[in-house]
C-alpha atoms as a PDB file:
ATOM      1  CA  MET A   1      19.640  95.472 143.728  1.00  0.00           C
ATOM      2  CA  ALA A   2      17.083  94.051 141.259  1.00  0.00           C
ATOM      3  CA  THR A   3      13.405  93.466 142.333  1.00  0.00           C
ATOM      4  CA  LEU A   4      11.353  90.764 141.162  1.00  0.00           C
ATOM      5  CA  THR A   5       7.728  91.814 140.378  1.00  0.00           C
ATOM      6  CA  VAL A   6       5.316  88.912 140.575  1.00  0.00           C
ATOM      7  CA  PRO A   7       2.522  89.354 137.814  1.00  0.00           C
ATOM      8  CA  GLU A   8      -1.045  89.395 139.219  1.00  0.00           C
ATOM      9  CA  ALA A   9      -3.259  86.570 138.391  1.00  0.00           C
ATOM     10  CA  PRO A  10      -5.794  87.438 135.897  1.00  0.00           C
ATOM     11  CA  THR A  11      -9.162  88.317 137.488  1.00  0.00           C
ATOM     12  CA  ARG A  12     -11.880  85.696 136.118  1.00  0.00           C
ATOM     13  CA  SER A  13     -14.852  87.813 134.805  1.00  0.00           C
ATOM     14  CA  THR A  14     -18.231  86.288 135.825  1.00  0.00           C
ATOM     15  CA  PRO A  15     -20.562  85.815 132.631  1.00  0.00           C
ATOM     16  CA  ALA A  16     -23.628  88.119 132.801  1.00  0.00           C
ATOM     17  CA  GLN A  17     -26.753  86.111 133.479  1.00  0.00           C
ATOM     18  CA  ALA A  18     -29.056  86.075 130.755  1.00  0.00           C
ATOM     19  CA  PRO A  19     -32.419  87.972 131.630  1.00  0.00           C
ATOM     20  CA  VAL A  20     -35.252  85.820 132.602  1.00  0.00           C
ATOM     21  CA  ASP A  21     -38.297  85.969 130.140  1.00  0.00           C
ATOM     22  CA  PRO A  22     -41.336  87.211 132.008  1.00  0.00           C
ATOM     23  CA  ARG A  23     -43.357  84.902 129.895  1.00  0.00           C
ATOM     24  CA  HIS A  24     -41.467  81.882 131.000  1.00  0.00           C
ATOM     25  CA  ARG A  25     -41.621  82.960 134.488  1.00  0.00           C
ATOM     26  CA  ALA A  26     -45.610  83.465 134.340  1.00  0.00           C
ATOM     27  CA  PHE A  27     -45.964  80.095 132.632  1.00  0.00           C
ATOM     28  CA  THR A  28     -43.875  78.524 135.512  1.00  0.00           C
ATOM     29  CA  VAL A  29     -46.224  80.127 138.068  1.00  0.00           C
ATOM     30  CA  LEU A  30     -49.337  79.107 136.125  1.00  0.00           C
ATOM     31  CA  CYS A  31     -48.197  75.500 136.113  1.00  0.00           C
ATOM     32  CA  VAL A  32     -47.431  75.700 139.953  1.00  0.00           C
ATOM     33  CA  VAL A  33     -50.907  76.978 140.408  1.00  0.00           C
ATOM     34  CA  VAL A  34     -52.786  74.555 138.376  1.00  0.00           C
ATOM     35  CA  LEU A  35     -50.839  71.546 140.137  1.00  0.00           C
ATOM     36  CA  VAL A  36     -51.594  72.968 143.670  1.00  0.00           C
ATOM     37  CA  VAL A  37     -55.240  73.196 142.731  1.00  0.00           C
ATOM     38  CA  LEU A  38     -55.459  69.615 141.283  1.00  0.00           C
ATOM     39  CA  ALA A  39     -53.739  68.476 144.314  1.00  0.00           C
ATOM     40  CA  ALA A  40     -56.002  70.076 146.458  1.00  0.00           C
ATOM     41  CA  LEU A  41     -59.167  68.730 144.504  1.00  0.00           C
ATOM     42  CA  TRP A  42     -57.718  65.114 145.038  1.00  0.00           C
ATOM     43  CA  LEU A  43     -56.226  65.573 148.622  1.00  0.00           C
ATOM     44  CA  VAL A  44     -59.218  67.491 150.278  1.00  0.00           C
ATOM     45  CA  PRO A  45     -61.906  64.575 149.827  1.00  0.00           C
ATOM     46  CA  MET A  46     -59.317  62.079 151.066  1.00  0.00           C
ATOM     47  CA  LEU A  47     -58.380  64.012 154.072  1.00  0.00           C
ATOM     48  CA  TRP A  48     -62.238  64.619 154.547  1.00  0.00           C
ATOM     49  CA  ALA A  49     -62.901  60.856 154.450  1.00  0.00           C
ATOM     50  CA  VAL A  50     -59.788  60.028 156.994  1.00  0.00           C
ATOM     51  CA  ASP A  51     -61.278  62.606 159.259  1.00  0.00           C
ATOM     52  CA  THR A  52     -64.753  61.284 159.027  1.00  0.00           C
ATOM     53  CA  SER A  53     -63.856  57.630 159.642  1.00  0.00           C
ATOM     54  CA  ILE A  54     -62.254  58.687 162.936  1.00  0.00           C
ATOM     55  CA  ARG A  55     -65.079  60.650 164.194  1.00  0.00           C
ATOM     56  CA  PRO A  56     -68.171  59.799 166.537  1.00  0.00           C
ATOM     57  CA  GLU A  57     -71.506  59.680 164.838  1.00  0.00           C
ATOM     58  CA  SER A  58     -72.942  62.549 166.897  1.00  0.00           C
ATOM     59  CA  GLU A  59     -70.019  64.823 165.519  1.00  0.00           C
ATOM     60  CA  ILE A  60     -70.416  63.740 161.878  1.00  0.00           C
ATOM     61  CA  THR A  61     -74.087  64.904 161.825  1.00  0.00           C
ATOM     62  CA  ALA A  62     -73.553  67.912 164.031  1.00  0.00           C
ATOM     63  CA  SER A  63     -74.217  71.395 162.414  1.00  0.00           C
ATOM     64  CA  PRO A  64     -71.976  73.385 161.751  1.00  0.00           C
ATOM     65  CA  ALA A  65     -69.584  70.778 160.519  1.00  0.00           C
ATOM     66  CA  THR A  66     -65.939  71.146 161.639  1.00  0.00           C
ATOM     67  CA  TRP A  67     -62.813  69.935 159.984  1.00  0.00           C
ATOM     68  CA  TRP A  68     -61.099  68.136 162.798  1.00  0.00           C
ATOM     69  CA  THR A  69     -62.424  66.084 165.597  1.00  0.00           C
ATOM     70  CA  SER A  70     -61.647  66.662 169.330  1.00  0.00           C
ATOM     71  CA  HIS A  71     -62.469  62.951 170.101  1.00  0.00           C
ATOM     72  CA  PRO A  72     -60.704  60.644 167.618  1.00  0.00           C
ATOM     73  CA  SER A  73     -61.906  56.937 167.540  1.00  0.00           C
ATOM     74  CA  LEU A  74     -60.982  53.742 165.579  1.00  0.00           C
ATOM     75  CA  ASP A  75     -64.427  52.162 166.224  1.00  0.00           C
ATOM     76  CA  ALA A  76     -65.445  52.557 162.785  1.00  0.00           C
ATOM     77  CA  TYR A  77     -62.461  50.670 161.409  1.00  0.00           C
ATOM     78  CA  ARG A  78     -62.976  47.886 164.182  1.00  0.00           C
ATOM     79  CA  GLN A  79     -66.316  47.325 162.973  1.00  0.00           C
ATOM     80  CA  VAL A  80     -65.661  47.157 159.365  1.00  0.00           C
ATOM     81  CA  LEU A  81     -62.829  44.611 160.070  1.00  0.00           C
ATOM     82  CA  SER A  82     -65.145  42.406 162.325  1.00  0.00           C
ATOM     83  CA  ALA A  83     -68.206  42.733 160.071  1.00  0.00           C
ATOM     84  CA  GLY A  84     -66.715  41.121 156.875  1.00  0.00           C
ATOM     85  CA  ARG A  85     -63.907  38.797 155.751  1.00  0.00           C
ATOM     86  CA  MET A  86     -61.359  41.537 154.906  1.00  0.00           C
ATOM     87  CA  PRO A  87     -58.246  39.417 154.825  1.00  0.00           C
ATOM     88  CA  VAL A  88     -59.890  37.084 152.175  1.00  0.00           C
ATOM     89  CA  TRP A  89     -61.083  40.000 150.346  1.00  0.00           C
ATOM     90  CA  TYR A  90     -57.572  41.467 150.295  1.00  0.00           C
ATOM     91  CA  LEU A  91     -55.995  38.217 149.163  1.00  0.00           C
ATOM     92  CA  ASN A  92     -58.611  37.793 146.331  1.00  0.00           C
ATOM     93  CA  SER A  93     -58.034  41.397 145.165  1.00  0.00           C
ATOM     94  CA  PHE A  94     -54.328  41.063 145.261  1.00  0.00           C
ATOM     95  CA  LEU A  95     -54.349  37.817 143.166  1.00  0.00           C
ATOM     96  CA  VAL A  96     -56.691  38.879 140.826  1.00  0.00           C
ATOM     97  CA  ALA A  97     -54.991  42.192 140.248  1.00  0.00           C
ATOM     98  CA  LEU A  98     -51.508  40.651 140.033  1.00  0.00           C
ATOM     99  CA  LEU A  99     -52.552  37.822 137.562  1.00  0.00           C
ATOM    100  CA  THR A 100     -54.542  40.308 135.495  1.00  0.00           C
ATOM    101  CA  ALA A 101     -51.482  42.627 135.273  1.00  0.00           C
ATOM    102  CA  VAL A 102     -48.964  39.876 134.419  1.00  0.00           C
ATOM    103  CA  PHE A 103     -51.058  38.314 131.829  1.00  0.00           C
ATOM    104  CA  ALA A 104     -51.860  41.606 130.224  1.00  0.00           C
ATOM    105  CA  VAL A 105     -48.181  42.613 129.853  1.00  0.00           C
ATOM    106  CA  VAL A 106     -47.483  39.135 128.291  1.00  0.00           C
ATOM    107  CA  VAL A 107     -50.340  38.976 125.831  1.00  0.00           C
ATOM    108  CA  CYS A 108     -50.535  42.816 125.002  1.00  0.00           C
ATOM    109  CA  SER A 109     -46.744  42.902 124.555  1.00  0.00           C
ATOM    110  CA  MET A 110     -46.810  39.947 121.882  1.00  0.00           C
ATOM    111  CA  ALA A 111     -49.860  41.676 120.234  1.00  0.00           C
ATOM    112  CA  GLY A 112     -47.991  45.379 120.087  1.00  0.00           C
ATOM    113  CA  PHE A 113     -44.768  43.532 118.647  1.00  0.00           C
ATOM    114  CA  ALA A 114     -46.842  41.983 115.953  1.00  0.00           C
ATOM    115  CA  VAL A 115     -48.496  45.210 115.197  1.00  0.00           C
ATOM    116  CA  ALA A 116     -45.357  47.087 115.235  1.00  0.00           C
ATOM    117  CA  ARG A 117     -42.826  44.945 113.874  1.00  0.00           C
ATOM    118  CA  VAL A 118     -44.180  41.844 111.975  1.00  0.00           C
ATOM    119  CA  ARG A 119     -45.537  42.388 108.330  1.00  0.00           C
ATOM    120  CA  PHE A 120     -48.313  39.779 107.532  1.00  0.00           C
ATOM    121  CA  ARG A 121     -51.382  39.645 105.469  1.00  0.00           C
ATOM    122  CA  GLY A 122     -54.300  41.542 107.183  1.00  0.00           C
ATOM    123  CA  ARG A 123     -52.189  43.482 109.401  1.00  0.00           C
ATOM    124  CA  ARG A 124     -54.187  46.670 108.763  1.00  0.00           C
ATOM    125  CA  ILE A 125     -57.352  44.846 109.350  1.00  0.00           C
ATOM    126  CA  VAL A 126     -56.004  43.604 112.841  1.00  0.00           C
ATOM    127  CA  THR A 127     -54.826  46.933 113.670  1.00  0.00           C
ATOM    128  CA  GLY A 128     -58.179  48.383 112.823  1.00  0.00           C
ATOM    129  CA  LEU A 129     -59.933  45.677 115.097  1.00  0.00           C
ATOM    130  CA  VAL A 130     -57.670  46.726 118.021  1.00  0.00           C
ATOM    131  CA  LEU A 131     -58.362  50.281 117.399  1.00  0.00           C
ATOM    132  CA  ALA A 132     -62.286  49.540 117.510  1.00  0.00           C
ATOM    133  CA  GLY A 133     -61.627  48.411 120.836  1.00  0.00           C
ATOM    134  CA  LEU A 134     -60.973  51.832 122.250  1.00  0.00           C
ATOM    135  CA  LEU A 135     -64.390  52.927 120.765  1.00  0.00           C
ATOM    136  CA  ILE A 136     -66.596  50.282 122.214  1.00  0.00           C
ATOM    137  CA  PRO A 137     -67.894  51.048 125.717  1.00  0.00           C
ATOM    138  CA  PRO A 138     -66.990  48.279 127.938  1.00  0.00           C
ATOM    139  CA  GLN A 139     -70.480  48.272 129.434  1.00  0.00           C
ATOM    140  CA  THR A 140     -71.837  47.093 126.273  1.00  0.00           C
ATOM    141  CA  LEU A 141     -69.820  43.829 126.499  1.00  0.00           C
ATOM    142  CA  ILE A 142     -71.251  42.856 129.848  1.00  0.00           C
ATOM    143  CA  MET A 143     -74.307  40.808 128.975  1.00  0.00           C
ATOM    144  CA  PRO A 144     -72.526  38.835 126.150  1.00  0.00           C
ATOM    145  CA  GLN A 145     -69.510  38.170 128.363  1.00  0.00           C
ATOM    146  CA  PHE A 146     -71.750  37.059 131.397  1.00  0.00           C
ATOM    147  CA  GLN A 147     -73.484  34.603 128.982  1.00  0.00           C
ATOM    148  CA  GLU A 148     -70.246  33.398 127.681  1.00  0.00           C
ATOM    149  CA  PHE A 149     -68.765  32.787 131.289  1.00  0.00           C
ATOM    150  CA  ALA A 150     -72.052  31.346 132.582  1.00  0.00           C
ATOM    151  CA  GLY A 151     -71.929  28.722 129.638  1.00  0.00           C
ATOM    152  CA  LEU A 152     -68.329  27.927 130.504  1.00  0.00           C
ATOM    153  CA  HIS A 153     -69.374  27.523 134.258  1.00  0.00           C
ATOM    154  CA  LEU A 154     -66.663  30.022 135.220  1.00  0.00           C
ATOM    155  CA  LEU A 155     -69.024  32.172 137.490  1.00  0.00           C
ATOM    156  CA  ASN A 156     -67.681  32.868 141.032  1.00  0.00           C
ATOM    157  CA  THR A 157     -64.148  31.878 139.888  1.00  0.00           C
ATOM    158  CA  TYR A 158     -60.970  33.835 139.396  1.00  0.00           C
ATOM    159  CA  TRP A 159     -60.869  33.371 135.826  1.00  0.00           C
ATOM    160  CA  ALA A 160     -64.215  35.180 135.472  1.00  0.00           C
ATOM    161  CA  LEU A 161     -62.425  38.256 136.841  1.00  0.00           C
ATOM    162  CA  ILE A 162     -58.903  37.837 135.139  1.00  0.00           C
ATOM    163  CA  LEU A 163     -59.778  36.954 131.723  1.00  0.00           C
ATOM    164  CA  PRO A 164     -62.100  39.662 130.461  1.00  0.00           C
ATOM    165  CA  SER A 165     -59.492  42.390 131.675  1.00  0.00           C
ATOM    166  CA  VAL A 166     -56.290  40.763 129.940  1.00  0.00           C
ATOM    167  CA  PRO A 167     -56.850  41.957 126.361  1.00  0.00           C
ATOM    168  CA  THR A 168     -56.971  45.821 126.482  1.00  0.00           C
ATOM    169  CA  SER A 169     -56.639  47.965 123.342  1.00  0.00           C
ATOM    170  CA  VAL A 170     -54.723  50.827 125.246  1.00  0.00           C
ATOM    171  CA  ALA A 171     -51.989  48.289 126.537  1.00  0.00           C
ATOM    172  CA  VAL A 172     -51.555  46.929 122.878  1.00  0.00           C
ATOM    173  CA  PHE A 173     -51.028  50.539 121.587  1.00  0.00           C
ATOM    174  CA  VAL A 174     -48.613  51.420 124.134  1.00  0.00           C
ATOM    175  CA  PHE A 175     -46.514  48.690 123.426  1.00  0.00           C
ATOM    176  CA  ALA A 176     -46.670  49.129 119.771  1.00  0.00           C
ATOM    177  CA  SER A 177     -45.573  52.707 120.015  1.00  0.00           C
ATOM    178  CA  PHE A 178     -42.732  51.872 122.229  1.00  0.00           C
ATOM    179  CA  PHE A 179     -41.605  48.884 119.830  1.00  0.00           C
ATOM    180  CA  SER A 180     -42.062  51.322 116.672  1.00  0.00           C
ATOM    181  CA  GLY A 181     -39.352  53.590 118.390  1.00  0.00           C
ATOM    182  CA  LEU A 182     -36.733  50.935 118.703  1.00  0.00           C
ATOM    183  CA  PRO A 183     -34.140  50.540 115.860  1.00  0.00           C
ATOM    184  CA  GLY A 184     -35.358  48.191 113.095  1.00  0.00           C
ATOM    185  CA  GLU A 185     -31.929  46.896 112.626  1.00  0.00           C
ATOM    186  CA  LEU A 186     -32.123  44.966 115.858  1.00  0.00           C
ATOM    187  CA  ALA A 187     -34.923  42.677 114.152  1.00  0.00           C
ATOM    188  CA  GLU A 188     -33.425  42.600 110.971  1.00  0.00           C
ATOM    189  CA  SER A 189     -29.972  41.455 112.262  1.00  0.00           C
ATOM    190  CA  ALA A 190     -31.640  38.759 114.377  1.00  0.00           C
ATOM    191  CA  ARG A 191     -33.805  37.512 111.408  1.00  0.00           C
ATOM    192  CA  ILE A 192     -30.565  37.294 109.225  1.00  0.00           C
ATOM    193  CA  ASP A 193     -28.943  35.127 111.972  1.00  0.00           C
ATOM    194  CA  GLY A 194     -31.910  32.823 111.706  1.00  0.00           C
ATOM    195  CA  ALA A 195     -33.880  33.587 114.947  1.00  0.00           C
ATOM    196  CA  GLY A 196     -37.640  33.429 114.563  1.00  0.00           C
ATOM    197  CA  TRP A 197     -40.164  35.971 115.303  1.00  0.00           C
ATOM    198  CA  PHE A 198     -40.924  34.746 118.920  1.00  0.00           C
ATOM    199  CA  ARG A 199     -36.938  34.636 119.686  1.00  0.00           C
ATOM    200  CA  VAL A 200     -36.715  38.188 118.433  1.00  0.00           C
ATOM    201  CA  TYR A 201     -39.612  39.313 120.650  1.00  0.00           C
ATOM    202  CA  SER A 202     -38.496  37.390 123.721  1.00  0.00           C
ATOM    203  CA  ARG A 203     -34.605  37.713 123.702  1.00  0.00           C
ATOM    204  CA  ILE A 204     -34.259  41.252 122.031  1.00  0.00           C
ATOM    205  CA  PHE A 205     -37.379  43.641 122.364  1.00  0.00           C
ATOM    206  CA  LEU A 206     -39.015  42.454 125.757  1.00  0.00           C
ATOM    207  CA  PRO A 207     -36.039  43.075 127.796  1.00  0.00           C
ATOM    208  CA  LEU A 208     -35.975  46.602 126.295  1.00  0.00           C
ATOM    209  CA  CYS A 209     -39.593  47.490 126.876  1.00  0.00           C
ATOM    210  CA  LYS A 210     -39.355  47.803 130.763  1.00  0.00           C
ATOM    211  CA  PRO A 211     -40.756  51.370 130.866  1.00  0.00           C
ATOM    212  CA  ALA A 212     -43.726  50.391 128.944  1.00  0.00           C
ATOM    213  CA  ALA A 213     -44.277  47.060 130.696  1.00  0.00           C
ATOM    214  CA  SER A 214     -44.048  48.769 133.961  1.00  0.00           C
ATOM    215  CA  ALA A 215     -46.808  51.270 132.919  1.00  0.00           C
ATOM    216  CA  VAL A 216     -49.144  48.909 131.761  1.00  0.00           C
ATOM    217  CA  PHE A 217     -48.502  46.501 134.830  1.00  0.00           C
ATOM    218  CA  ILE A 218     -49.180  49.457 137.186  1.00  0.00           C
ATOM    219  CA  PHE A 219     -52.242  50.836 135.599  1.00  0.00           C
ATOM    220  CA  THR A 220     -53.689  47.469 134.946  1.00  0.00           C
ATOM    221  CA  PHE A 221     -53.198  46.442 138.625  1.00  0.00           C
ATOM    222  CA  VAL A 222     -54.889  49.785 139.842  1.00  0.00           C
ATOM    223  CA  TRP A 223     -57.639  49.382 137.283  1.00  0.00           C
ATOM    224  CA  SER A 224     -58.368  45.552 138.240  1.00  0.00           C
ATOM    225  CA  TRP A 225     -58.045  46.576 142.007  1.00  0.00           C
ATOM    226  CA  ASN A 226     -60.881  49.099 141.590  1.00  0.00           C
ATOM    227  CA  ASN A 227     -62.975  47.201 139.092  1.00  0.00           C
ATOM    228  CA  PHE A 228     -66.594  47.007 140.782  1.00  0.00           C
ATOM    229  CA  LEU A 229     -69.327  46.185 138.287  1.00  0.00           C
ATOM    230  CA  TRP A 230     -68.073  43.140 136.554  1.00  0.00           C
ATOM    231  CA  PRO A 231     -67.066  41.489 139.863  1.00  0.00           C
ATOM    232  CA  LEU A 232     -70.455  42.687 141.454  1.00  0.00           C
ATOM    233  CA  LEU A 233     -72.097  40.640 138.824  1.00  0.00           C
ATOM    234  CA  THR A 234     -70.012  37.528 138.551  1.00  0.00           C
ATOM    235  CA  MET A 235     -68.944  37.161 142.168  1.00  0.00           C
ATOM    236  CA  THR A 236     -71.858  35.768 144.568  1.00  0.00           C
ATOM    237  CA  SER A 237     -69.922  34.099 146.957  1.00  0.00           C
ATOM    238  CA  ALA A 238     -68.081  35.686 149.768  1.00  0.00           C
ATOM    239  CA  ASP A 239     -65.155  33.356 149.635  1.00  0.00           C
ATOM    240  CA  VAL A 240     -64.246  34.905 146.322  1.00  0.00           C
ATOM    241  CA  MET A 241     -65.361  38.476 146.492  1.00  0.00           C
ATOM    242  CA  THR A 242     -62.744  41.268 145.954  1.00  0.00           C
ATOM    243  CA  ILE A 243     -62.442  44.421 148.018  1.00  0.00           C
ATOM    244  CA  PRO A 244     -64.852  46.818 146.201  1.00  0.00           C
ATOM    245  CA  VAL A 245     -67.755  44.079 146.232  1.00  0.00           C
ATOM    246  CA  GLY A 246     -67.157  43.002 149.791  1.00  0.00           C
ATOM    247  CA  LEU A 247     -67.001  46.573 151.155  1.00  0.00           C
ATOM    248  CA  ASN A 248     -70.168  47.282 149.167  1.00  0.00           C
ATOM    249  CA  VAL A 249     -71.827  44.227 151.127  1.00  0.00           C
ATOM    250  CA  VAL A 250     -70.708  45.587 154.375  1.00  0.00           C
ATOM    251  CA  GLN A 251     -71.654  49.064 153.722  1.00  0.00           C
ATOM    252  CA  ASP A 252     -75.108  47.955 152.821  1.00  0.00           C
ATOM    253  CA  SER A 253     -75.515  46.387 156.363  1.00  0.00           C
ATOM    254  CA  TYR A 254     -74.645  49.690 158.007  1.00  0.00           C
ATOM    255  CA  GLY A 255     -77.306  51.899 156.522  1.00  0.00           C
ATOM    256  CA  ILE A 256     -76.589  55.579 157.113  1.00  0.00           C
ATOM    257  CA  ARG A 257     -73.391  55.363 159.170  1.00  0.00           C
ATOM    258  CA  TYR A 258     -70.844  57.661 157.633  1.00  0.00           C
ATOM    259  CA  ALA A 259     -68.005  56.701 159.808  1.00  0.00           C
ATOM    260  CA  GLN A 260     -68.087  53.105 158.654  1.00  0.00           C
ATOM    261  CA  VAL A 261     -68.643  54.039 154.965  1.00  0.00           C
ATOM    262  CA  MET A 262     -65.576  56.287 154.968  1.00  0.00           C
ATOM    263  CA  ALA A 263     -63.490  53.546 156.996  1.00  0.00           C
ATOM    264  CA  SER A 264     -64.257  51.160 154.139  1.00  0.00           C
ATOM    265  CA  ALA A 265     -63.331  53.536 151.562  1.00  0.00           C
ATOM    266  CA  VAL A 266     -60.051  54.200 153.354  1.00  0.00           C
ATOM    267  CA  LEU A 267     -59.154  50.646 153.748  1.00  0.00           C
ATOM    268  CA  GLY A 268     -59.980  49.965 149.976  1.00  0.00           C
ATOM    269  CA  ALA A 269     -57.720  52.729 148.833  1.00  0.00           C
ATOM    270  CA  LEU A 270     -54.814  51.743 151.145  1.00  0.00           C
ATOM    271  CA  PRO A 271     -53.065  49.135 149.050  1.00  0.00           C
ATOM    272  CA  LEU A 272     -53.085  51.467 145.978  1.00  0.00           C
ATOM    273  CA  PHE A 273     -51.357  54.303 148.102  1.00  0.00           C
ATOM    274  CA  ALA A 274     -48.703  51.644 148.732  1.00  0.00           C
ATOM    275  CA  VAL A 275     -48.388  50.501 144.989  1.00  0.00           C
ATOM    276  CA  PHE A 276     -47.970  54.335 144.096  1.00  0.00           C
ATOM    277  CA  LEU A 277     -45.294  54.916 146.744  1.00  0.00           C
ATOM    278  CA  VAL A 278     -43.173  52.037 145.924  1.00  0.00           C
ATOM    279  CA  PHE A 279     -43.379  52.375 142.175  1.00  0.00           C
ATOM    280  CA  GLN A 280     -44.021  55.983 141.538  1.00  0.00           C
ATOM    281  CA  ARG A 281     -40.561  56.345 139.774  1.00  0.00           C
ATOM    282  CA  ARG A 282     -41.632  53.672 137.255  1.00  0.00           C
ATOM    283  CA  ILE A 283     -44.941  55.201 136.803  1.00  0.00           C
ATOM    284  CA  VAL A 284     -43.366  58.610 135.867  1.00  0.00           C
ATOM    285  CA  GLU A 285     -40.753  56.719 133.444  1.00  0.00           C
ATOM    286  CA  GLY A 286     -43.540  54.657 131.721  1.00  0.00           C
ATOM    287  CA  ILE A 287     -45.611  57.872 130.983  1.00  0.00           C
ATOM    288  CA  ALA A 288     -42.493  59.828 129.838  1.00  0.00           C
ATOM    289  CA  ASN A 289     -41.235  56.854 127.586  1.00  0.00           C
ATOM    290  CA  THR A 290     -44.317  55.622 126.215  1.00  0.00           C
ATOM    291  CA  GLY A 291     -47.501  56.888 124.322  1.00  0.00           C
ATOM    292  CA  ILE A 292     -49.532  57.451 127.343  1.00  0.00           C
ATOM    293  CA  LYS A 293     -50.002  61.349 127.124  1.00  0.00           C
END
C-alpha cells in the first residue's frame, strides 16, 4: 500500500535587521532633548502666568514662592473683565487681524506671482526694492507713516491698523518661492490659449498655493493680533482699541497687582492658542512647503 507524503511548506526566513547606526541614535536623542528644553522654556513662563493669575495677592508676594496655590481664585479675571471693554477689544482685534491677513494674502500673492513668473522691464529693480524691505527696521517708518495717516484723517480708524501691515516683504518672497517651484508649462499653455496674466494667476496658480497662503494668513493674523506699538500711537479712543492696547490701559490702572497683570496676559493669549490648535496642521504644511525655514 503506497503512502502519500505531503511536502512541508517552506519556512519563511525573516530578513536580518540592519544594525542601528549609533550616530543616528545619538542625533535622535539630541533632537528630543533640544525639543524638550525649548518646550520647557516656552511652557514654564506660561504655566507660571496662569498660576499667578489665580493666586491671592498675599501668596504672590510671599517668600519663599511656591509653584501651586492652595486657594485658587478667579477674582483677577473678574476684575479685568469688569474694568475694561474686553468684548469690544476682542472684536476689534479679530476684525483687524482677519482683514489684515486676507488683504496680505491677496496683495502679496499677486506681487509674488509677478516677481516669480512675469517678465517685465525693471523686474530686478522691483525685486531689489522688495528685498530692501527686509533690511529696513519697521520702527524707522513709524514717524512718516503717522504723519501720512494723520494727513489722511485715518487715525482712530481700522484702516490705520490694517493698511500698514498688508504689504510685507517676507510674504512676497514666500509666494514667489512657491510659484517658482511650480511647472512653468502651466503659465505657458494658458498664455498660448489666450489667457491674460491675471487669469493665469487667479485660475491656475492661486488655487495651487494653499500651503503658502495658509502660512502667510496664519502668521499675519498672529502678528497683527500681537501688534502693540503702532496701535498704541494711532488709537486713542477706547471704542477702536485692540486687545494689547486695551489691556495695557487696564494694567496701568492696577499698579503693582501681579494677579491682574497675569490675568490680562492670559486673556490676550487665549485666542492665539485657539488659532494654533485649529490650524496647526496648516502651519506645519505651510512651513514645510514654502520658503519659511
